[in-house]
Amino acid sequence: MMIVAREALRQVVEAAEAAYPAECCGLLVGRTHPNGTIEVTRAHPSPNLGKQPNRFEIDPRLWVDLSRALGRGPMKVVGLYHSHPDGPAQPSAIDLEAAWGEELVWLIVGVSGTPVEGGEPRGQALQVTAHILDLGGRQFRELPLRTADWHAAPVRALPEDGERKKDDGE
């Protein structure tokens, strides 16, 4: 499971929408808990150094500087994020071909163009998914994704049969 701080998720989604129709990208900082849950506390945007429209490349200097700043503490780079303009929030064949790091989570934002009267379409995030490499890097596996403040919706107790009949006018 991946748990992401609401502010970090908001930052990623806003970056994806602002970059549309290009891809955005960046790094995710957090920690991996002993039970395997990946907790993301911060997102760090990167300029997209990709040379083709359907590619992303994170600035290696950001990765180095961030890793040095984090040192050997509990926080580290736990993953990366990027967007899929006019595509699903699922890893593509291009993503799999370029993927590395079975310990890294890949957060993907699907973005669609929303028409704007008299202007270029505006990006609208539709879905966010999280994935890790699996089977020796041969495929991605989707992880359940939650915000840090997520909680189950309240559920009402079912009325006893006698109460239901009374309420139904019987």
N, C-alpha and C. Protein backbone atom coordinates (compact mmCIF):
# COMPACT_ATOMS: atom_id res chain seq x y z
N MET A 1 0.83 -1.17 0.00
CA MET A 1 0.00 0.00 0.00
C MET A 1 0.88 1.24 0.00
N MET A 2 0.37 2.30 -0.61
CA MET A 2 1.06 3.59 -0.61
C MET A 2 0.14 4.60 0.06
N ILE A 3 0.70 5.32 1.03
CA ILE A 3 -0.03 6.38 1.71
C ILE A 3 0.69 7.68 1.39
N VAL A 4 -0.04 8.64 0.85
CA VAL A 4 0.58 9.90 0.44
C VAL A 4 -0.07 11.06 1.19
N ALA A 5 0.77 11.99 1.64
CA ALA A 5 0.27 13.18 2.31
C ALA A 5 -0.60 13.96 1.32
N ARG A 6 -1.73 14.46 1.79
CA ARG A 6 -2.66 15.18 0.92
C ARG A 6 -1.98 16.34 0.19
N GLU A 7 -1.13 17.09 0.87
CA GLU A 7 -0.46 18.23 0.24
C GLU A 7 0.49 17.77 -0.87
N ALA A 8 1.18 16.66 -0.65
CA ALA A 8 2.08 16.13 -1.69
C ALA A 8 1.27 15.68 -2.90
N LEU A 9 0.14 15.02 -2.68
CA LEU A 9 -0.71 14.59 -3.79
C LEU A 9 -1.25 15.79 -4.54
N ARG A 10 -1.67 16.82 -3.82
CA ARG A 10 -2.18 18.03 -4.46
C ARG A 10 -1.11 18.65 -5.34
N GLN A 11 0.12 18.71 -4.84
CA GLN A 11 1.23 19.28 -5.60
C GLN A 11 1.48 18.50 -6.89
N VAL A 12 1.43 17.18 -6.81
CA VAL A 12 1.65 16.34 -8.00
C VAL A 12 0.54 16.56 -9.02
N VAL A 13 -0.70 16.56 -8.57
CA VAL A 13 -1.84 16.75 -9.48
C VAL A 13 -1.78 18.13 -10.14
N GLU A 14 -1.48 19.16 -9.35
CA GLU A 14 -1.38 20.51 -9.92
C GLU A 14 -0.25 20.60 -10.94
N ALA A 15 0.87 19.94 -10.68
CA ALA A 15 1.99 19.94 -11.64
C ALA A 15 1.58 19.26 -12.94
N ALA A 16 0.84 18.15 -12.83
CA ALA A 16 0.40 17.42 -14.02
C ALA A 16 -0.56 18.28 -14.85
N GLU A 17 -1.47 18.96 -14.18
CA GLU A 17 -2.43 19.82 -14.90
C GLU A 17 -1.72 21.01 -15.54
N ALA A 18 -0.78 21.62 -14.83
CA ALA A 18 -0.07 22.79 -15.35
C ALA A 18 0.83 22.44 -16.53
N ALA A 19 1.41 21.25 -16.53
CA ALA A 19 2.33 20.85 -17.60
C ALA A 19 1.61 20.46 -18.89
N TYR A 20 0.32 20.12 -18.79
CA TYR A 20 -0.44 19.66 -19.95
C TYR A 20 -0.28 20.64 -21.10
N PRO A 21 -0.01 20.19 -22.33
CA PRO A 21 -0.06 18.83 -22.85
C PRO A 21 1.26 18.07 -22.75
N ALA A 22 2.24 18.62 -22.06
CA ALA A 22 3.51 17.92 -21.85
C ALA A 22 3.41 17.06 -20.59
N GLU A 23 4.39 16.20 -20.40
CA GLU A 23 4.45 15.39 -19.19
C GLU A 23 5.18 16.16 -18.10
N CYS A 24 4.72 15.99 -16.86
CA CYS A 24 5.45 16.51 -15.71
C CYS A 24 6.18 15.35 -15.06
N CYS A 25 7.10 15.66 -14.17
CA CYS A 25 7.78 14.59 -13.45
C CYS A 25 8.42 15.16 -12.19
N GLY A 26 8.77 14.26 -11.28
CA GLY A 26 9.41 14.66 -10.04
C GLY A 26 9.69 13.47 -9.16
N LEU A 27 10.18 13.75 -7.97
CA LEU A 27 10.55 12.71 -7.01
C LEU A 27 9.63 12.73 -5.80
N LEU A 28 9.49 11.58 -5.18
CA LEU A 28 8.67 11.42 -3.98
C LEU A 28 9.56 11.05 -2.81
N VAL A 29 9.39 11.75 -1.70
CA VAL A 29 10.19 11.52 -0.51
C VAL A 29 9.31 10.97 0.60
N GLY A 30 9.82 10.00 1.32
CA GLY A 30 9.08 9.42 2.43
C GLY A 30 9.87 8.29 3.05
N ARG A 31 9.14 7.26 3.48
CA ARG A 31 9.80 6.11 4.10
C ARG A 31 8.99 4.85 3.81
N THR A 32 9.67 3.72 3.89
CA THR A 32 9.02 2.43 3.75
C THR A 32 8.94 1.80 5.13
N HIS A 33 7.75 1.46 5.55
CA HIS A 33 7.54 0.88 6.87
C HIS A 33 7.86 -0.62 6.83
N PRO A 34 8.15 -1.22 8.00
CA PRO A 34 8.48 -2.66 8.05
C PRO A 34 7.40 -3.55 7.42
N ASN A 35 6.13 -3.13 7.46
CA ASN A 35 5.06 -3.94 6.87
C ASN A 35 4.97 -3.78 5.35
N GLY A 36 5.87 -2.97 4.76
CA GLY A 36 5.90 -2.78 3.32
C GLY A 36 5.13 -1.56 2.83
N THR A 37 4.38 -0.90 3.72
CA THR A 37 3.65 0.31 3.34
C THR A 37 4.63 1.42 3.02
N ILE A 38 4.41 2.07 1.89
CA ILE A 38 5.26 3.19 1.48
C ILE A 38 4.50 4.47 1.82
N GLU A 39 5.14 5.31 2.63
CA GLU A 39 4.54 6.57 3.04
C GLU A 39 5.26 7.72 2.33
N VAL A 40 4.52 8.53 1.60
CA VAL A 40 5.09 9.68 0.90
C VAL A 40 4.69 10.94 1.65
N THR A 41 5.69 11.71 2.05
CA THR A 41 5.43 12.93 2.80
C THR A 41 5.63 14.19 1.97
N ARG A 42 6.47 14.11 0.92
CA ARG A 42 6.75 15.30 0.10
C ARG A 42 6.95 14.92 -1.35
N ALA A 43 6.61 15.87 -2.22
CA ALA A 43 6.87 15.74 -3.65
C ALA A 43 7.82 16.86 -4.06
N HIS A 44 8.77 16.53 -4.91
CA HIS A 44 9.74 17.51 -5.39
C HIS A 44 9.69 17.53 -6.91
N PRO A 45 9.14 18.60 -7.50
CA PRO A 45 9.04 18.67 -8.96
C PRO A 45 10.42 18.77 -9.61
N SER A 46 10.49 18.24 -10.81
CA SER A 46 11.72 18.31 -11.60
C SER A 46 11.38 18.89 -12.96
N PRO A 47 12.31 19.64 -13.54
CA PRO A 47 12.10 19.97 -14.95
C PRO A 47 12.09 18.66 -15.74
N ASN A 48 11.26 18.58 -16.75
CA ASN A 48 11.23 17.39 -17.60
C ASN A 48 12.31 17.55 -18.66
N LEU A 49 13.37 16.76 -18.54
CA LEU A 49 14.48 16.84 -19.49
C LEU A 49 14.29 15.89 -20.67
N GLY A 50 13.13 15.23 -20.75
CA GLY A 50 12.85 14.33 -21.87
C GLY A 50 12.88 15.07 -23.18
N LYS A 51 13.43 14.43 -24.18
CA LYS A 51 13.60 15.09 -25.48
C LYS A 51 12.48 14.78 -26.46
N GLN A 52 11.55 13.92 -26.07
CA GLN A 52 10.40 13.60 -26.92
C GLN A 52 9.12 13.89 -26.14
N PRO A 53 8.04 14.22 -26.85
CA PRO A 53 6.81 14.62 -26.15
C PRO A 53 6.22 13.55 -25.24
N ASN A 54 6.37 12.28 -25.56
CA ASN A 54 5.78 11.23 -24.74
C ASN A 54 6.82 10.56 -23.84
N ARG A 55 7.82 11.31 -23.43
CA ARG A 55 8.88 10.81 -22.55
C ARG A 55 9.07 11.79 -21.40
N PHE A 56 9.54 11.27 -20.29
CA PHE A 56 9.95 12.15 -19.21
C PHE A 56 11.32 11.75 -18.75
N GLU A 57 12.06 12.71 -18.25
CA GLU A 57 13.37 12.44 -17.67
C GLU A 57 13.55 13.41 -16.50
N ILE A 58 13.75 12.84 -15.33
CA ILE A 58 13.95 13.64 -14.12
C ILE A 58 15.38 14.15 -14.12
N ASP A 59 15.55 15.40 -13.71
CA ASP A 59 16.87 16.01 -13.62
C ASP A 59 17.72 15.22 -12.62
N PRO A 60 18.82 14.60 -13.06
CA PRO A 60 19.65 13.81 -12.16
C PRO A 60 20.24 14.65 -11.02
N ARG A 61 20.44 15.93 -11.27
CA ARG A 61 20.98 16.81 -10.23
C ARG A 61 20.01 16.91 -9.06
N LEU A 62 18.69 16.94 -9.34
CA LEU A 62 17.68 16.97 -8.28
C LEU A 62 17.81 15.72 -7.42
N TRP A 63 17.93 14.57 -8.07
CA TRP A 63 18.04 13.30 -7.35
C TRP A 63 19.27 13.29 -6.43
N VAL A 64 20.40 13.71 -6.97
CA VAL A 64 21.64 13.73 -6.20
C VAL A 64 21.53 14.72 -5.03
N ASP A 65 21.08 15.94 -5.32
CA ASP A 65 20.99 16.96 -4.28
C ASP A 65 20.01 16.54 -3.18
N LEU A 66 18.89 15.99 -3.58
CA LEU A 66 17.88 15.56 -2.61
C LEU A 66 18.39 14.40 -1.76
N SER A 67 19.03 13.43 -2.39
CA SER A 67 19.58 12.29 -1.65
C SER A 67 20.64 12.74 -0.66
N ARG A 68 21.48 13.68 -1.06
CA ARG A 68 22.50 14.20 -0.14
C ARG A 68 21.86 14.93 1.03
N ALA A 69 20.85 15.74 0.75
CA ALA A 69 20.18 16.51 1.80
C ALA A 69 19.49 15.59 2.81
N LEU A 70 18.94 14.48 2.32
CA LEU A 70 18.24 13.55 3.21
C LEU A 70 19.21 12.72 4.04
N GLY A 71 20.43 12.53 3.53
CA GLY A 71 21.45 11.77 4.25
C GLY A 71 21.02 10.34 4.54
N ARG A 72 21.39 9.87 5.71
CA ARG A 72 21.08 8.49 6.10
C ARG A 72 19.90 8.42 7.05
N GLY A 73 19.11 9.46 7.11
CA GLY A 73 17.95 9.50 7.99
C GLY A 73 16.84 8.57 7.52
N PRO A 74 15.72 8.61 8.22
CA PRO A 74 14.62 7.71 7.87
C PRO A 74 13.94 8.09 6.56
N MET A 75 14.01 9.36 6.18
CA MET A 75 13.40 9.80 4.93
C MET A 75 14.37 9.58 3.78
N LYS A 76 13.80 9.17 2.63
CA LYS A 76 14.63 8.96 1.44
C LYS A 76 13.74 9.11 0.21
N VAL A 77 14.38 9.08 -0.95
CA VAL A 77 13.60 9.08 -2.19
C VAL A 77 12.98 7.70 -2.30
N VAL A 78 11.64 7.65 -2.27
CA VAL A 78 10.93 6.37 -2.32
C VAL A 78 10.28 6.13 -3.67
N GLY A 79 10.30 7.15 -4.54
CA GLY A 79 9.68 6.95 -5.83
C GLY A 79 9.73 8.19 -6.69
N LEU A 80 8.99 8.10 -7.77
CA LEU A 80 8.93 9.20 -8.72
C LEU A 80 7.50 9.32 -9.23
N TYR A 81 7.21 10.46 -9.83
CA TYR A 81 5.89 10.65 -10.42
C TYR A 81 6.04 11.24 -11.81
N HIS A 82 5.05 10.98 -12.62
CA HIS A 82 4.95 11.62 -13.93
C HIS A 82 3.51 11.56 -14.40
N SER A 83 3.23 12.30 -15.45
CA SER A 83 1.86 12.36 -15.95
C SER A 83 1.77 11.72 -17.33
N HIS A 84 0.56 11.32 -17.67
CA HIS A 84 0.24 10.80 -19.00
C HIS A 84 -0.81 11.72 -19.61
N PRO A 85 -0.38 12.73 -20.39
CA PRO A 85 -1.35 13.61 -21.04
C PRO A 85 -2.20 12.83 -22.04
N ASP A 86 -3.50 12.97 -21.91
CA ASP A 86 -4.47 12.29 -22.78
C ASP A 86 -4.25 10.78 -22.80
N GLY A 87 -3.83 10.25 -21.67
CA GLY A 87 -3.63 8.81 -21.54
C GLY A 87 -4.05 8.35 -20.16
N PRO A 88 -4.15 7.05 -20.00
CA PRO A 88 -4.58 6.51 -18.70
C PRO A 88 -3.46 6.60 -17.66
N ALA A 89 -3.85 6.54 -16.42
CA ALA A 89 -2.90 6.56 -15.30
C ALA A 89 -2.38 5.15 -15.06
N GLN A 90 -1.92 4.52 -16.11
CA GLN A 90 -1.38 3.17 -16.07
C GLN A 90 -0.01 3.18 -16.73
N PRO A 91 0.91 2.35 -16.26
CA PRO A 91 2.23 2.33 -16.88
C PRO A 91 2.12 1.94 -18.36
N SER A 92 2.88 2.62 -19.17
CA SER A 92 2.90 2.32 -20.60
C SER A 92 4.06 1.37 -20.90
N ALA A 93 4.09 0.89 -22.14
CA ALA A 93 5.21 0.05 -22.57
C ALA A 93 6.51 0.85 -22.50
N ILE A 94 6.43 2.15 -22.79
CA ILE A 94 7.60 3.03 -22.70
C ILE A 94 8.07 3.12 -21.25
N ASP A 95 7.12 3.25 -20.31
CA ASP A 95 7.48 3.29 -18.89
C ASP A 95 8.20 2.01 -18.48
N LEU A 96 7.67 0.87 -18.88
CA LEU A 96 8.27 -0.40 -18.50
C LEU A 96 9.67 -0.54 -19.09
N GLU A 97 9.83 -0.12 -20.34
CA GLU A 97 11.14 -0.21 -20.99
C GLU A 97 12.19 0.63 -20.26
N ALA A 98 11.78 1.78 -19.74
CA ALA A 98 12.73 2.69 -19.09
C ALA A 98 12.80 2.51 -17.57
N ALA A 99 11.97 1.64 -17.01
CA ALA A 99 11.86 1.52 -15.56
C ALA A 99 13.09 0.89 -14.93
N TRP A 100 13.33 1.30 -13.71
CA TRP A 100 14.41 0.76 -12.90
C TRP A 100 13.98 0.84 -11.44
N GLY A 101 14.69 0.16 -10.58
CA GLY A 101 14.48 0.29 -9.14
C GLY A 101 13.23 -0.40 -8.63
N GLU A 102 13.33 -1.69 -8.34
CA GLU A 102 12.17 -2.43 -7.84
C GLU A 102 11.68 -1.92 -6.49
N GLU A 103 12.50 -1.13 -5.80
CA GLU A 103 12.07 -0.58 -4.51
C GLU A 103 11.36 0.76 -4.66
N LEU A 104 11.31 1.30 -5.88
CA LEU A 104 10.71 2.62 -6.11
C LEU A 104 9.23 2.50 -6.51
N VAL A 105 8.44 3.41 -6.00
CA VAL A 105 7.05 3.49 -6.40
C VAL A 105 6.94 4.48 -7.57
N TRP A 106 6.08 4.16 -8.51
CA TRP A 106 5.83 5.01 -9.67
C TRP A 106 4.41 5.54 -9.55
N LEU A 107 4.26 6.83 -9.33
CA LEU A 107 2.95 7.47 -9.24
C LEU A 107 2.66 8.08 -10.60
N ILE A 108 1.51 7.73 -11.17
CA ILE A 108 1.16 8.20 -12.52
C ILE A 108 -0.17 8.94 -12.47
N VAL A 109 -0.20 10.12 -13.11
CA VAL A 109 -1.41 10.93 -13.17
C VAL A 109 -1.90 10.94 -14.61
N GLY A 110 -3.13 10.47 -14.82
CA GLY A 110 -3.77 10.57 -16.13
C GLY A 110 -4.41 11.94 -16.25
N VAL A 111 -4.07 12.67 -17.32
CA VAL A 111 -4.57 14.04 -17.51
C VAL A 111 -5.24 14.14 -18.87
N SER A 112 -6.38 14.81 -18.89
CA SER A 112 -7.11 15.03 -20.12
C SER A 112 -7.22 16.52 -20.39
N GLY A 113 -7.31 16.87 -21.66
CA GLY A 113 -7.48 18.27 -22.02
C GLY A 113 -8.94 18.69 -21.92
N THR A 114 -9.18 19.75 -21.18
CA THR A 114 -10.52 20.31 -21.04
C THR A 114 -10.58 21.54 -21.93
N PRO A 115 -11.55 21.59 -22.88
CA PRO A 115 -11.62 22.75 -23.78
C PRO A 115 -11.81 24.05 -23.01
N VAL A 116 -11.12 25.07 -23.47
CA VAL A 116 -11.27 26.42 -22.93
C VAL A 116 -11.65 27.32 -24.09
N GLU A 117 -12.74 28.05 -23.94
CA GLU A 117 -13.24 28.90 -25.02
C GLU A 117 -12.16 29.89 -25.46
N GLY A 118 -11.83 29.83 -26.75
CA GLY A 118 -10.86 30.76 -27.32
C GLY A 118 -9.42 30.50 -26.94
N GLY A 119 -9.10 29.34 -26.38
CA GLY A 119 -7.72 29.09 -25.98
C GLY A 119 -7.35 27.62 -26.08
N GLU A 120 -6.14 27.36 -25.66
CA GLU A 120 -5.63 25.99 -25.64
C GLU A 120 -6.35 25.20 -24.54
N PRO A 121 -6.50 23.90 -24.74
CA PRO A 121 -7.13 23.08 -23.69
C PRO A 121 -6.34 23.17 -22.38
N ARG A 122 -7.04 23.06 -21.29
CA ARG A 122 -6.44 23.08 -19.96
C ARG A 122 -6.39 21.65 -19.45
N GLY A 123 -5.33 21.29 -18.75
CA GLY A 123 -5.20 19.95 -18.21
C GLY A 123 -6.11 19.72 -17.02
N GLN A 124 -6.74 18.54 -17.01
CA GLN A 124 -7.61 18.14 -15.90
C GLN A 124 -7.21 16.72 -15.49
N ALA A 125 -6.70 16.58 -14.26
CA ALA A 125 -6.32 15.25 -13.77
C ALA A 125 -7.57 14.40 -13.60
N LEU A 126 -7.51 13.17 -14.09
CA LEU A 126 -8.65 12.27 -14.01
C LEU A 126 -8.43 11.13 -13.03
N GLN A 127 -7.21 10.68 -12.91
CA GLN A 127 -6.92 9.53 -12.06
C GLN A 127 -5.45 9.53 -11.67
N VAL A 128 -5.18 9.02 -10.47
CA VAL A 128 -3.80 8.85 -9.99
C VAL A 128 -3.67 7.41 -9.52
N THR A 129 -2.61 6.75 -9.96
CA THR A 129 -2.36 5.37 -9.55
C THR A 129 -0.91 5.22 -9.11
N ALA A 130 -0.64 4.19 -8.32
CA ALA A 130 0.71 3.90 -7.83
C ALA A 130 1.09 2.48 -8.25
N HIS A 131 2.36 2.30 -8.61
CA HIS A 131 2.84 1.00 -9.11
C HIS A 131 4.27 0.76 -8.64
N ILE A 132 4.63 -0.51 -8.54
CA ILE A 132 6.02 -0.90 -8.31
C ILE A 132 6.38 -1.96 -9.35
N LEU A 133 7.68 -2.05 -9.64
CA LEU A 133 8.15 -3.10 -10.54
C LEU A 133 8.07 -4.44 -9.82
N ASP A 134 7.72 -5.46 -10.57
CA ASP A 134 7.55 -6.79 -10.00
C ASP A 134 8.18 -7.82 -10.94
N LEU A 135 8.34 -9.01 -10.45
CA LEU A 135 8.87 -10.14 -11.24
C LEU A 135 10.19 -9.79 -11.91
N GLY A 136 11.11 -9.29 -11.09
CA GLY A 136 12.44 -8.98 -11.63
C GLY A 136 12.43 -7.85 -12.62
N GLY A 137 11.50 -6.93 -12.49
CA GLY A 137 11.44 -5.78 -13.38
C GLY A 137 10.73 -6.04 -14.70
N ARG A 138 10.00 -7.15 -14.79
CA ARG A 138 9.33 -7.50 -16.06
C ARG A 138 7.94 -6.91 -16.19
N GLN A 139 7.36 -6.46 -15.07
CA GLN A 139 6.02 -5.88 -15.15
C GLN A 139 5.80 -4.96 -13.95
N PHE A 140 4.78 -4.12 -14.06
CA PHE A 140 4.38 -3.28 -12.94
C PHE A 140 3.23 -3.96 -12.20
N ARG A 141 3.18 -3.73 -10.91
CA ARG A 141 2.06 -4.18 -10.09
C ARG A 141 1.46 -2.95 -9.41
N GLU A 142 0.15 -2.79 -9.52
CA GLU A 142 -0.51 -1.63 -8.92
C GLU A 142 -0.60 -1.80 -7.41
N LEU A 143 -0.39 -0.69 -6.71
CA LEU A 143 -0.51 -0.65 -5.26
C LEU A 143 -1.78 0.10 -4.87
N PRO A 144 -2.44 -0.33 -3.81
CA PRO A 144 -3.54 0.48 -3.29
C PRO A 144 -2.97 1.84 -2.87
N LEU A 145 -3.72 2.90 -3.13
CA LEU A 145 -3.26 4.26 -2.88
C LEU A 145 -4.27 4.97 -1.98
N ARG A 146 -3.79 5.56 -0.91
CA ARG A 146 -4.63 6.30 0.03
C ARG A 146 -3.95 7.61 0.41
N THR A 147 -4.73 8.61 0.76
CA THR A 147 -4.15 9.81 1.34
C THR A 147 -3.93 9.55 2.82
N ALA A 148 -3.03 10.31 3.43
CA ALA A 148 -2.68 10.10 4.83
C ALA A 148 -3.86 10.33 5.76
N ASP A 149 -4.81 11.18 5.35
CA ASP A 149 -5.96 11.46 6.21
C ASP A 149 -7.20 10.65 5.82
N TRP A 150 -7.02 9.62 5.02
CA TRP A 150 -8.13 8.78 4.58
C TRP A 150 -8.71 8.01 5.75
N HIS A 151 -10.01 7.88 5.75
CA HIS A 151 -10.67 7.01 6.72
C HIS A 151 -11.93 6.47 6.06
N ALA A 152 -12.35 5.32 6.53
CA ALA A 152 -13.52 4.67 5.94
C ALA A 152 -14.76 5.53 6.17
N ALA A 153 -15.64 5.54 5.21
CA ALA A 153 -16.90 6.28 5.35
C ALA A 153 -17.74 5.62 6.43
N PRO A 154 -18.47 6.42 7.20
CA PRO A 154 -19.31 5.83 8.24
C PRO A 154 -20.39 4.94 7.63
N VAL A 155 -20.76 3.92 8.36
CA VAL A 155 -21.79 2.99 7.90
C VAL A 155 -22.86 2.93 8.98
N ARG A 156 -24.11 3.06 8.56
CA ARG A 156 -25.22 2.97 9.51
C ARG A 156 -25.53 1.50 9.79
N ALA A 157 -25.91 1.25 11.01
CA ALA A 157 -26.32 -0.11 11.37
C ALA A 157 -27.66 -0.39 10.68
N LEU A 158 -27.84 -1.61 10.25
CA LEU A 158 -29.11 -2.00 9.65
C LEU A 158 -30.17 -2.11 10.74
N PRO A 159 -31.37 -1.63 10.48
CA PRO A 159 -32.44 -1.74 11.49
C PRO A 159 -32.87 -3.20 11.64
N GLU A 160 -33.37 -3.50 12.81
CA GLU A 160 -33.93 -4.83 13.04
C GLU A 160 -35.15 -4.98 12.14
N ASP A 161 -35.53 -6.20 11.81
CA ASP A 161 -36.68 -6.43 10.92
C ASP A 161 -37.94 -5.75 11.41
N GLY A 162 -38.21 -5.81 12.70
CA GLY A 162 -39.42 -5.19 13.24
C GLY A 162 -39.40 -3.68 13.04
N GLU A 163 -38.24 -3.06 13.20
CA GLU A 163 -38.13 -1.61 13.02
C GLU A 163 -38.33 -1.23 11.57
N ARG A 164 -37.80 -2.02 10.66
CA ARG A 164 -37.93 -1.72 9.24
C ARG A 164 -39.38 -1.79 8.82
N LYS A 165 -40.12 -2.79 9.28
CA LYS A 165 -41.52 -2.94 8.91
C LYS A 165 -42.32 -1.76 9.45
N LYS A 166 -42.00 -1.34 10.67
CA LYS A 166 -42.72 -0.23 11.25
C LYS A 166 -42.47 1.04 10.45
N ASP A 167 -41.21 1.27 10.04
CA ASP A 167 -40.87 2.44 9.27
C ASP A 167 -41.47 2.41 7.88
N ASP A 168 -41.67 1.22 7.32
CA ASP A 168 -42.23 1.08 5.98
C ASP A 168 -43.75 1.21 5.97
N GLY A 169 -44.32 1.46 7.13
CA GLY A 169 -45.78 1.62 7.20
C GLY A 169 -46.51 0.31 7.35
N GLU A 170 -45.80 -0.75 7.64
CA GLU A 170 -46.47 -2.05 7.81
C GLU A 170 -46.93 -2.24 9.20
